[in-house]
Amino acid sequence: MTEVLRVDAGELSADELIDALNDGQRILVDVEVAGGSHEIVLRYDGETYHCDTPTNLHRHAEESEMRSCLDQMGYAAAE
């Protein structure tokens, strides 16, 4: 079974999130949006990085694309 890591948005750096994904962990990120709490699921299937949000599924073929998404969406800690 895949190990699950639960974090708050901005708790870990993009490097830490990517490392966990590459190690096979599924990451649940708690985010605040429009006054409500939502859960985002980050995962990597060995070929594609996925960001599952309540309204959308983002897919990224390259690690650099995923890293950019983590930064732009505020899931990773600001550097």
C-alpha atoms as a PDB file:
ATOM      1  CA  MET A   1       0.000   0.000   0.000  1.00  0.00           C
ATOM      2  CA  THR A   2       1.212   3.511  -0.788  1.00  0.00           C
ATOM      3  CA  GLU A   3       2.404   5.552   2.162  1.00  0.00           C
ATOM      4  CA  VAL A   4       0.373   8.736   2.700  1.00  0.00           C
ATOM      5  CA  LEU A   5       1.873  11.992   3.933  1.00  0.00           C
ATOM      6  CA  ARG A   6      -0.500  14.716   5.200  1.00  0.00           C
ATOM      7  CA  VAL A   7       0.754  18.329   5.244  1.00  0.00           C
ATOM      8  CA  ASP A   8      -0.580  21.869   5.301  1.00  0.00           C
ATOM      9  CA  ALA A   9       0.034  24.025   2.234  1.00  0.00           C
ATOM     10  CA  GLY A  10       3.408  25.735   2.547  1.00  0.00           C
ATOM     11  CA  GLU A  11       4.685  23.335   5.216  1.00  0.00           C
ATOM     12  CA  LEU A  12       7.281  21.614   2.989  1.00  0.00           C
ATOM     13  CA  SER A  13       9.523  22.903   0.219  1.00  0.00           C
ATOM     14  CA  ALA A  14       9.034  21.887  -3.411  1.00  0.00           C
ATOM     15  CA  ASP A  15      12.181  19.726  -3.099  1.00  0.00           C
ATOM     16  CA  GLU A  16      10.743  17.884  -0.093  1.00  0.00           C
ATOM     17  CA  LEU A  17       7.397  17.327  -1.840  1.00  0.00           C
ATOM     18  CA  ILE A  18       9.045  16.090  -5.054  1.00  0.00           C
ATOM     19  CA  ASP A  19      11.363  13.776  -3.088  1.00  0.00           C
ATOM     20  CA  ALA A  20       8.388  12.262  -1.245  1.00  0.00           C
ATOM     21  CA  LEU A  21       6.490  11.770  -4.518  1.00  0.00           C
ATOM     22  CA  ASN A  22       9.510  10.178  -6.193  1.00  0.00           C
ATOM     23  CA  ASP A  23       9.799   7.836  -3.181  1.00  0.00           C
ATOM     24  CA  GLY A  24       6.251   6.606  -3.866  1.00  0.00           C
ATOM     25  CA  GLN A  25       4.365   8.593  -1.261  1.00  0.00           C
ATOM     26  CA  ARG A  26       0.925  10.015  -1.900  1.00  0.00           C
ATOM     27  CA  ILE A  27       0.636  13.500  -0.383  1.00  0.00           C
ATOM     28  CA  LEU A  28      -2.539  15.038   1.012  1.00  0.00           C
ATOM     29  CA  VAL A  29      -2.234  18.826   1.170  1.00  0.00           C
ATOM     30  CA  ASP A  30      -4.723  20.786   3.245  1.00  0.00           C
ATOM     31  CA  VAL A  31      -5.360  24.209   1.670  1.00  0.00           C
ATOM     32  CA  GLU A  32      -7.572  27.164   2.551  1.00  0.00           C
ATOM     33  CA  VAL A  33      -9.632  28.408  -0.412  1.00  0.00           C
ATOM     34  CA  ALA A  34     -12.411  30.993  -0.214  1.00  0.00           C
ATOM     35  CA  GLY A  35     -12.713  30.554   3.541  1.00  0.00           C
ATOM     36  CA  GLY A  36     -12.981  26.778   3.366  1.00  0.00           C
ATOM     37  CA  SER A  37     -10.571  23.925   3.873  1.00  0.00           C
ATOM     38  CA  HIS A  38      -9.918  21.608   0.922  1.00  0.00           C
ATOM     39  CA  GLU A  39      -7.746  18.565   0.376  1.00  0.00           C
ATOM     40  CA  ILE A  40      -5.429  18.273  -2.628  1.00  0.00           C
ATOM     41  CA  VAL A  41      -3.920  14.902  -3.525  1.00  0.00           C
ATOM     42  CA  LEU A  42      -0.427  14.860  -5.044  1.00  0.00           C
ATOM     43  CA  ARG A  43       0.873  11.629  -6.539  1.00  0.00           C
ATOM     44  CA  TYR A  44       3.383  10.245  -9.013  1.00  0.00           C
ATOM     45  CA  ASP A  45       2.754   7.046 -10.963  1.00  0.00           C
ATOM     46  CA  GLY A  46       6.311   6.651 -12.236  1.00  0.00           C
ATOM     47  CA  GLU A  47       5.620   8.557 -15.454  1.00  0.00           C
ATOM     48  CA  THR A  48       3.237  11.409 -14.658  1.00  0.00           C
ATOM     49  CA  TYR A  49       2.816  13.735 -11.681  1.00  0.00           C
ATOM     50  CA  HIS A  50      -0.807  14.361 -10.663  1.00  0.00           C
ATOM     51  CA  CYS A  51      -2.462  17.159  -8.658  1.00  0.00           C
ATOM     52  CA  ASP A  52      -6.033  16.140  -7.836  1.00  0.00           C
ATOM     53  CA  THR A  53      -8.074  19.120  -6.650  1.00  0.00           C
ATOM     54  CA  PRO A  54     -11.797  19.187  -5.822  1.00  0.00           C
ATOM     55  CA  THR A  55     -12.484  20.756  -9.231  1.00  0.00           C
ATOM     56  CA  ASN A  56      -9.622  19.745 -11.513  1.00  0.00           C
ATOM     57  CA  LEU A  57      -6.916  17.185 -12.238  1.00  0.00           C
ATOM     58  CA  HIS A  58      -3.563  18.603 -13.309  1.00  0.00           C
ATOM     59  CA  ARG A  59      -1.098  16.255 -14.992  1.00  0.00           C
ATOM     60  CA  HIS A  60       2.577  17.031 -15.423  1.00  0.00           C
ATOM     61  CA  ALA A  61       4.931  14.922 -17.534  1.00  0.00           C
ATOM     62  CA  GLU A  62       8.100  16.615 -16.266  1.00  0.00           C
ATOM     63  CA  GLU A  63       9.370  17.152 -12.733  1.00  0.00           C
ATOM     64  CA  SER A  64      10.032  20.814 -13.580  1.00  0.00           C
ATOM     65  CA  GLU A  65       6.349  21.272 -14.510  1.00  0.00           C
ATOM     66  CA  MET A  66       5.255  19.746 -11.198  1.00  0.00           C
ATOM     67  CA  ARG A  67       7.712  21.923  -9.289  1.00  0.00           C
ATOM     68  CA  SER A  68       6.299  25.017 -11.018  1.00  0.00           C
ATOM     69  CA  CYS A  69       2.729  23.956 -10.169  1.00  0.00           C
ATOM     70  CA  LEU A  70       3.644  23.409  -6.497  1.00  0.00           C
ATOM     71  CA  ASP A  71       5.097  26.925  -6.345  1.00  0.00           C
ATOM     72  CA  GLN A  72       2.332  28.669  -8.316  1.00  0.00           C
ATOM     73  CA  MET A  73      -0.506  27.020  -6.390  1.00  0.00           C
ATOM     74  CA  GLY A  74       1.109  27.685  -3.009  1.00  0.00           C
ATOM     75  CA  TYR A  75       1.359  24.013  -2.034  1.00  0.00           C
ATOM     76  CA  ALA A  76       5.129  24.340  -1.424  1.00  0.00           C
ATOM     77  CA  ALA A  77       6.845  26.654   1.063  1.00  0.00           C
ATOM     78  CA  ALA A  78       7.992  29.936  -0.427  1.00  0.00           C
ATOM     79  CA  GLU A  79      11.743  30.083  -0.838  1.00  0.00           C
END
